[in-house]
């Protein structure tokens, strides 16, 4: 098949783009693929064509608007120049106004309806983030009426989409995200100790790691900091990985106000999170909305127990007492869970981490790509609308 894939950023560090990149690696010998993206870490330039979409990158609301305008123009020009049609147009959520297959990792209308107004975060950054959610939500009904197939990473999101948009009933396919377990595998004890020393952690410290590209509010960092301030155990350390400089500086000031300056370390955005996971004892994500947290799965594959809230996707593989701890989205509950984990013996913590790594095995890249092969095989070769 000739497949056109529309995504903002096809890169390892992007949650959806990383999934697309892994898919491209698996199918590039079987299908003729053209990627329309702002940025693309092309895994096979000799077999995959990248058409750069010159959309504004920030803020996200402006990226959404300019991508909607520019990507179709790039598509039309490419078709005219090459004189070919596509059998399938695949896009992410409501980021494109036409297409055959919507690869959906977020239901913006559900988020706004249930959680988006629960916390009135002040400031321009929060306003622009809410605006981006609203723009997506406005476009969702139109996109899902047109899409013939919708692929989602979790059963929870499948149920949520069917509830919000009954028109997708019978069109939704669940393909869980995948993780390269071998790539995430933890190092030996000596290398781990060296990584901890480089980050300023002692052997006695119990390191909780929080990882997110951004969206710290939704991911639960304010709640986590509040919970940490309630834990009177100086062994506890929090490592925060991700966030642009302005966001990190905002939270550094918050940490200082809470008197946690010596217990929280910010690492900023990283191309490779493995050294930071390997230096930690437990992954923590008290998020208020997820559809399938890829970084939580990566942390499990890296041998870390998971301390998480009950969310879509996460509920598919986290088992309390087996590979982690599940808590309610409330600071007191998170503080108690932190204390519970710290009170465990090293042997108990290691057992949880080893089980998490074993449970992550079934989310391997081969299973992910094979599931997509079945989707493409079922779609056949009829052109998508506007293709």
Protein backbone atom coordinates (compact mmCIF):
# COMPACT_ATOMS: atom_id res chain seq x y z
CA UNK A 1 0.00 0.00 0.00
CA UNK A 2 0.93 3.64 -0.45
CA UNK A 3 0.52 5.21 3.00
CA UNK A 4 0.65 8.89 3.98
CA UNK A 5 1.29 9.48 7.68
CA UNK A 6 0.60 12.90 9.20
CA UNK A 7 2.18 13.63 12.59
CA UNK A 8 3.79 16.70 14.17
CA UNK A 9 7.02 15.10 15.39
CA UNK A 10 8.08 11.59 14.37
CA UNK A 11 10.81 11.21 16.98
CA UNK A 12 11.71 8.78 19.76
CA UNK A 13 11.12 11.42 22.43
CA UNK A 14 7.56 12.18 21.31
CA UNK A 15 4.86 9.88 22.76
CA UNK A 16 2.85 9.40 19.55
CA UNK A 17 5.72 10.20 17.18
CA UNK A 18 7.86 7.55 18.85
CA UNK A 19 5.13 4.97 18.21
CA UNK A 20 4.93 6.08 14.57
CA UNK A 21 8.70 5.84 14.25
CA UNK A 22 8.68 2.29 15.59
CA UNK A 23 5.88 1.43 13.18
CA UNK A 24 7.85 2.87 10.27
CA UNK A 25 10.85 0.73 11.13
CA UNK A 26 8.67 -2.35 11.00
CA UNK A 27 6.71 -1.72 7.79
CA UNK A 28 9.06 0.28 5.56
CA UNK A 29 10.01 -2.82 3.55
CA UNK A 30 6.36 -3.78 3.03
CA UNK A 31 4.65 -0.48 2.18
CA UNK A 32 5.48 2.75 0.38
CA UNK A 33 5.33 5.36 3.15
CA UNK A 34 5.47 9.17 2.99
CA UNK A 35 5.60 11.12 6.24
CA UNK A 36 4.23 14.68 6.47
CA UNK A 37 5.76 16.07 9.65
CA UNK A 38 7.31 19.18 11.16
CA UNK A 39 10.26 17.06 12.29
CA UNK A 40 11.08 13.47 11.43
CA UNK A 41 13.83 11.23 12.74
CA UNK A 42 13.61 9.08 9.63
CA UNK A 43 14.63 5.49 10.45
CA UNK A 44 15.05 4.54 6.76
CA UNK A 45 15.62 7.58 4.48
CA UNK A 46 16.19 5.32 1.46
CA UNK A 47 12.73 3.77 1.84
CA UNK A 48 10.64 6.39 3.66
CA UNK A 49 10.05 9.82 2.20
CA UNK A 50 9.72 12.77 4.56
CA UNK A 51 7.88 15.90 3.45
CA UNK A 52 8.63 18.70 5.90
CA UNK A 53 5.58 20.67 7.03
CA UNK A 54 6.71 24.23 7.92
CA UNK A 55 4.21 24.82 10.72
CA UNK A 56 4.80 27.00 13.78
CA UNK A 57 6.15 24.87 16.63
CA UNK A 58 5.03 26.83 19.68
CA UNK A 59 2.65 27.31 21.32
CA UNK A 60 0.74 24.10 20.72
CA UNK A 61 -2.46 25.93 19.80
CA UNK A 62 -0.61 27.76 17.02
CA UNK A 63 1.01 24.49 15.91
CA UNK A 64 -2.47 22.95 15.67
CA UNK A 65 -3.80 25.81 13.54
CA UNK A 66 -0.83 26.18 11.21
CA UNK A 67 -0.46 22.42 10.72
CA UNK A 68 -4.14 22.24 9.73
CA UNK A 69 -3.50 24.92 7.12
CA UNK A 70 -0.05 23.96 5.83
CA UNK A 71 -0.10 20.14 5.91
CA UNK A 72 -2.94 19.80 3.34
CA UNK A 73 -1.08 22.21 1.04
CA UNK A 74 2.10 20.14 1.35
CA UNK A 75 0.05 17.04 0.60
CA UNK A 76 -1.56 18.59 -2.50
CA UNK A 77 1.76 19.87 -3.86
CA UNK A 78 3.42 16.51 -3.26
CA UNK A 79 0.64 14.68 -5.12
CA UNK A 80 0.85 17.07 -8.07
CA UNK A 81 4.62 16.76 -8.31
CA UNK A 82 4.71 12.98 -7.95
CA UNK A 83 1.47 12.24 -9.78
CA UNK A 84 0.40 9.52 -7.36
CA UNK A 85 -2.49 8.74 -5.07
CA UNK A 86 -2.38 7.21 -1.59
CA UNK A 87 -4.28 4.12 -0.52
CA UNK A 88 -4.36 5.24 3.10
CA UNK A 89 -4.11 8.60 4.87
CA UNK A 90 -3.24 8.16 8.56
CA UNK A 91 -3.17 11.02 11.05
CA UNK A 92 -2.97 11.72 14.77
CA UNK A 93 -6.23 12.52 16.56
CA UNK A 94 -7.82 15.70 15.19
CA UNK A 95 -4.55 17.16 13.91
CA UNK A 96 -5.78 16.83 10.30
CA UNK A 97 -9.19 17.54 8.77
CA UNK A 98 -9.21 14.55 6.40
CA UNK A 99 -8.01 10.99 6.43
CA UNK A 100 -8.80 7.33 6.59
CA UNK A 101 -7.28 6.26 9.91
CA UNK A 102 -7.07 8.29 13.13
CA UNK A 103 -4.31 7.20 15.50
CA UNK A 104 -5.68 8.54 18.77
CA UNK A 105 -3.82 8.87 22.07
CA UNK A 106 -6.07 11.47 23.71
CA UNK A 107 -9.76 12.41 23.83
CA UNK A 108 -9.69 16.15 24.29
CA UNK A 109 -13.44 16.61 24.76
CA UNK A 110 -13.53 13.98 27.50
CA UNK A 111 -10.54 15.57 29.20
CA UNK A 112 -12.10 19.05 29.15
CA UNK A 113 -15.47 17.74 30.29
CA UNK A 114 -14.20 15.72 33.23
CA UNK A 115 -10.91 17.32 34.27
CA UNK A 116 -10.01 20.37 32.22
CA UNK A 117 -11.84 22.84 34.43
CA UNK A 118 -11.18 21.07 37.73
CA UNK A 119 -8.12 23.21 38.33
CA UNK A 120 -7.94 26.78 37.16
CA UNK A 121 -4.20 27.11 36.59
CA UNK A 122 -3.28 30.73 36.09
CA UNK A 123 -0.83 32.12 33.58
CA UNK A 124 -0.34 32.33 29.85
CA UNK A 125 1.13 28.83 29.55
CA UNK A 126 -1.94 27.21 31.10
CA UNK A 127 -4.29 29.35 29.01
CA UNK A 128 -2.56 28.31 25.80
CA UNK A 129 -2.63 24.65 26.82
CA UNK A 130 -6.37 24.82 27.50
CA UNK A 131 -6.83 26.58 24.15
CA UNK A 132 -5.03 23.73 22.40
CA UNK A 133 -7.33 21.19 24.07
CA UNK A 134 -10.39 23.20 23.03
CA UNK A 135 -9.26 23.46 19.42
CA UNK A 136 -8.73 19.70 19.28
CA UNK A 137 -12.10 19.09 20.91
CA UNK A 138 -13.87 21.32 18.38
CA UNK A 139 -12.35 19.35 15.50
CA UNK A 140 -12.90 15.89 16.97
CA UNK A 141 -16.58 15.36 15.96
CA UNK A 142 -15.81 16.17 12.31
CA UNK A 143 -12.70 13.98 12.23
CA UNK A 144 -14.33 10.95 13.84
CA UNK A 145 -17.33 11.10 11.52
CA UNK A 146 -14.96 10.80 8.55
CA UNK A 147 -12.44 8.30 9.91
CA UNK A 148 -13.09 4.71 8.84
CA UNK A 149 -10.73 3.28 11.46
CA UNK A 150 -9.60 4.58 14.83
CA UNK A 151 -6.58 3.01 16.53
CA UNK A 152 -6.07 3.63 20.27
CA UNK A 153 -3.45 2.35 22.75
CA UNK A 154 -5.77 1.26 25.58
CA UNK A 155 -9.17 -0.28 26.25
CA UNK A 156 -10.00 2.61 28.58
CA UNK A 157 -9.56 5.15 25.80
CA UNK A 158 -11.59 2.95 23.43
CA UNK A 159 -14.51 3.04 25.89
CA UNK A 160 -14.10 6.77 26.40
CA UNK A 161 -14.14 7.54 22.68
CA UNK A 162 -17.21 5.36 22.11
CA UNK A 163 -18.97 7.21 24.93
CA UNK A 164 -18.07 10.67 23.63
CA UNK A 165 -18.50 9.84 19.93
CA UNK A 166 -20.91 6.92 19.39
CA UNK A 167 -20.26 7.18 15.64
CA UNK A 168 -16.93 5.36 16.14
CA UNK A 169 -18.63 2.28 17.57
CA UNK A 170 -17.27 -0.76 15.74
CA UNK A 171 -14.40 1.18 14.18
CA UNK A 172 -12.02 1.28 17.17
CA UNK A 173 -9.03 -1.07 17.35
CA UNK A 174 -6.79 -1.31 20.44
CA UNK A 175 -3.04 -1.62 19.83
CA UNK A 176 -1.06 -1.13 23.06
CA UNK A 177 2.13 0.90 22.88
CA UNK A 178 5.34 -1.08 22.88
CA UNK A 179 8.69 -0.90 24.59
CA UNK A 180 12.13 -2.16 23.63
CA UNK A 181 12.78 -4.18 26.76
CA UNK A 182 16.37 -5.01 25.82
CA UNK A 183 17.16 -1.33 25.25
CA UNK A 184 15.66 -0.36 28.63
CA UNK A 185 17.24 -3.22 30.60
CA UNK A 186 18.96 -1.91 33.77
CA UNK A 187 22.75 -1.98 34.11
CA UNK A 188 24.77 -3.81 36.74
CA UNK A 189 25.12 -2.56 40.34
CA UNK A 190 28.43 -0.75 39.77
CA UNK A 191 27.13 1.24 36.79
CA UNK A 192 23.95 2.06 38.67
CA UNK A 193 25.88 3.39 41.67
CA UNK A 194 28.02 5.51 39.37
CA UNK A 195 24.90 6.97 37.73
CA UNK A 196 23.47 7.84 41.15
CA UNK A 197 26.69 9.52 42.23
CA UNK A 198 26.73 11.64 39.05
CA UNK A 199 23.28 12.91 39.98
CA UNK A 200 24.26 13.58 43.59
CA UNK A 201 22.37 10.67 45.19
CA UNK A 202 23.81 8.50 47.95
CA UNK A 203 23.24 4.79 48.50
CA UNK A 204 20.85 5.64 51.35
CA UNK A 205 18.62 7.88 49.22
CA UNK A 206 15.34 6.48 47.92
CA UNK A 207 14.95 8.14 44.53
CA UNK A 208 11.51 8.69 43.00
CA UNK A 209 11.68 9.66 39.32
CA UNK A 210 9.01 11.70 37.53
CA UNK A 211 9.30 11.90 33.74
CA UNK A 212 7.22 14.06 31.38
CA UNK A 213 7.97 16.12 28.28
CA UNK A 214 5.71 18.86 29.64
CA UNK A 215 2.13 19.18 30.92
CA UNK A 216 3.48 18.98 34.48
CA UNK A 217 0.14 20.07 35.94
CA UNK A 218 -1.86 17.30 34.26
CA UNK A 219 0.88 14.76 34.94
CA UNK A 220 0.64 15.52 38.66
CA UNK A 221 3.91 17.24 39.56
CA UNK A 222 2.22 19.90 41.77
CA UNK A 223 0.42 17.13 43.65
CA UNK A 224 3.64 15.13 43.96
CA UNK A 225 5.54 18.11 45.39
CA UNK A 226 2.77 18.73 47.88
CA UNK A 227 2.87 15.08 48.91
CA UNK A 228 6.66 15.16 49.22
CA UNK A 229 6.42 18.12 51.57
CA UNK A 230 4.27 15.94 53.85
CA UNK A 231 6.86 13.15 54.02
CA UNK A 232 9.29 13.71 56.88
CA UNK A 233 12.03 11.39 55.68
CA UNK A 234 15.24 13.01 54.49
CA UNK A 235 16.25 9.92 52.54
CA UNK A 236 13.56 10.63 49.95
CA UNK A 237 14.69 12.36 46.75
CA UNK A 238 12.69 13.34 43.67
CA UNK A 239 14.27 13.43 40.22
CA UNK A 240 12.23 15.39 37.64
CA UNK A 241 13.11 14.64 34.02
CA UNK A 242 11.64 16.73 31.21
CA UNK A 243 10.22 20.19 30.73
CA UNK A 244 11.50 23.19 28.84
CA UNK A 245 13.63 25.75 30.66
CA UNK A 246 10.79 28.17 31.43
CA UNK A 247 8.63 25.38 32.87
CA UNK A 248 11.48 23.97 34.92
CA UNK A 249 12.33 27.41 36.32
CA UNK A 250 8.68 27.90 37.33
CA UNK A 251 8.78 24.65 39.31
CA UNK A 252 12.18 25.35 40.80
CA UNK A 253 10.65 28.43 42.41
CA UNK A 254 7.74 26.32 43.66
CA UNK A 255 10.15 23.78 45.15
CA UNK A 256 11.98 26.56 46.98
CA UNK A 257 8.70 27.91 48.38
CA UNK A 258 7.85 24.46 49.71
CA UNK A 259 11.28 24.13 51.34
CA UNK A 260 12.20 21.12 49.19
CA UNK A 261 15.25 22.60 47.47
CA UNK A 262 17.66 19.96 48.75
CA UNK A 263 15.37 17.04 47.94
CA UNK A 264 14.35 17.72 44.33
CA UNK A 265 16.63 17.66 41.30
CA UNK A 266 15.57 18.85 37.82
CA UNK A 267 17.25 17.26 34.82
CA UNK A 268 15.31 19.07 32.07
CA UNK A 269 14.60 17.62 28.64
CA UNK A 270 16.68 14.57 27.75
CA UNK A 271 17.10 12.64 24.52
CA UNK A 272 17.65 9.45 26.50
CA UNK A 273 15.85 8.88 29.80
CA UNK A 274 17.50 5.53 30.52
CA UNK A 275 20.36 6.82 32.73
CA UNK A 276 17.84 8.65 34.90
CA UNK A 277 15.53 5.67 35.24
CA UNK A 278 18.50 3.42 36.00
CA UNK A 279 19.65 5.76 38.77
CA UNK A 280 16.23 5.69 40.47
CA UNK A 281 14.36 3.32 42.77
CA UNK A 282 10.75 3.86 41.71
CA UNK A 283 8.81 5.63 38.95
CA UNK A 284 6.04 7.95 40.10
CA UNK A 285 3.23 9.41 37.98
CA UNK A 286 0.22 10.78 39.92
CA UNK A 287 -1.39 12.00 36.69
CA UNK A 288 -5.02 13.06 36.41
CA UNK A 289 -5.43 11.86 32.80
CA UNK A 290 -3.54 9.35 30.66
CA UNK A 291 -4.53 7.06 27.82
CA UNK A 292 -1.40 4.88 27.86
CA UNK A 293 1.70 6.24 29.56
CA UNK A 294 4.60 5.08 27.42
CA UNK A 295 7.19 6.35 29.89
CA UNK A 296 5.57 4.31 32.68
CA UNK A 297 5.97 1.22 30.49
CA UNK A 298 9.59 2.19 29.81
CA UNK A 299 10.18 2.55 33.54
CA UNK A 300 8.73 -0.90 34.13
CA UNK A 301 11.00 -2.32 31.42
CA UNK A 302 13.91 -0.61 33.17
CA UNK A 303 13.12 -2.60 36.32
CA UNK A 304 11.37 0.10 38.33
CA UNK A 305 8.26 -0.44 40.45
CA UNK A 306 5.45 1.95 39.49
CA UNK A 307 3.66 4.36 41.83
CA UNK A 308 0.74 5.60 39.75
CA UNK A 309 -2.87 6.72 39.83
CA UNK A 310 -5.57 4.48 38.26
CA UNK A 311 -5.64 5.62 34.63
CA UNK A 312 -6.36 4.30 31.15
CA UNK A 313 -3.55 2.14 29.87
CA UNK A 314 -1.77 2.03 33.21
CA UNK A 315 -4.63 -0.09 34.56
CA UNK A 316 -3.97 -2.61 31.79
CA UNK A 317 -0.66 -3.73 33.30
CA UNK A 318 -0.08 -2.31 36.81
CA UNK A 319 -1.03 -4.73 39.60
CA UNK A 320 -0.87 -3.39 43.19
CA UNK A 321 1.52 -5.39 45.32
CA UNK A 322 2.79 -7.27 42.25
CA UNK A 323 4.66 -4.63 40.23
CA UNK A 324 3.75 -1.34 41.90
CA UNK A 325 1.42 0.78 43.99
CA UNK A 326 -1.82 2.37 42.78
CA UNK A 327 -3.06 5.47 44.63
CA UNK A 328 -5.86 7.97 44.32
CA UNK A 329 -5.15 11.42 42.89
CA UNK A 330 -4.82 13.11 46.28
CA UNK A 331 -1.73 14.43 48.04
CA UNK A 332 -2.31 12.57 51.30
CA UNK A 333 -2.68 9.27 49.48
CA UNK A 334 0.47 9.90 47.45
CA UNK A 335 2.39 10.88 50.60
CA UNK A 336 1.29 7.66 52.30
CA UNK A 337 2.34 5.62 49.26
CA UNK A 338 5.77 7.28 49.27
CA UNK A 339 6.19 6.41 52.95
CA UNK A 340 5.01 2.85 52.33
CA UNK A 341 7.56 2.35 49.57
CA UNK A 342 10.40 3.84 51.63
CA UNK A 343 9.54 1.48 54.50
CA UNK A 344 9.97 -1.56 52.24
CA UNK A 345 13.19 -3.52 52.37
CA UNK A 346 15.54 -3.37 49.36
CA UNK A 347 14.56 -6.97 48.63
CA UNK A 348 10.85 -6.08 48.47
CA UNK A 349 11.52 -3.10 46.20
CA UNK A 350 13.68 -5.26 43.93
CA UNK A 351 10.94 -7.90 43.73
CA UNK A 352 8.40 -5.31 42.57
CA UNK A 353 10.85 -3.97 39.99
CA UNK A 354 11.75 -7.39 38.63
CA UNK A 355 8.08 -8.27 38.25
CA UNK A 356 7.41 -4.94 36.49
CA UNK A 357 10.21 -5.72 34.03
CA UNK A 358 8.83 -9.21 33.43
CA UNK A 359 5.28 -7.88 32.87
CA UNK A 360 6.58 -5.36 30.32
CA UNK A 361 7.87 -8.20 28.12
CA UNK A 362 4.52 -8.71 26.42
CA UNK A 363 4.54 -5.14 25.09
CA UNK A 364 7.35 -5.86 22.65
CA UNK A 365 7.89 -4.11 19.29
CA UNK A 366 7.18 -7.23 17.24
CA UNK A 367 3.71 -7.56 18.76
CA UNK A 368 3.07 -3.85 18.10
CA UNK A 369 4.10 -4.00 14.44
CA UNK A 370 2.26 -7.28 13.83
CA UNK A 371 -0.95 -5.75 15.20
CA UNK A 372 -0.58 -2.87 12.75
CA UNK A 373 0.01 -5.34 9.91
CA UNK A 374 -3.38 -6.86 10.68
CA UNK A 375 -4.99 -3.41 10.61
CA UNK A 376 -3.47 -2.56 7.24
CA UNK A 377 -4.38 -5.97 5.87
CA UNK A 378 -8.00 -5.42 6.88
CA UNK A 379 -8.19 -1.96 5.36
CA UNK A 380 -7.20 -3.16 1.88
CA UNK A 381 -6.24 -0.88 -0.97
CA UNK A 382 -9.27 1.40 -1.46
CA UNK A 383 -8.21 5.09 -1.43
CA UNK A 384 -8.96 7.24 1.58
CA UNK A 385 -11.25 10.27 1.20
CA UNK A 386 -9.27 13.08 -0.41
CA UNK A 387 -6.31 10.77 -1.12
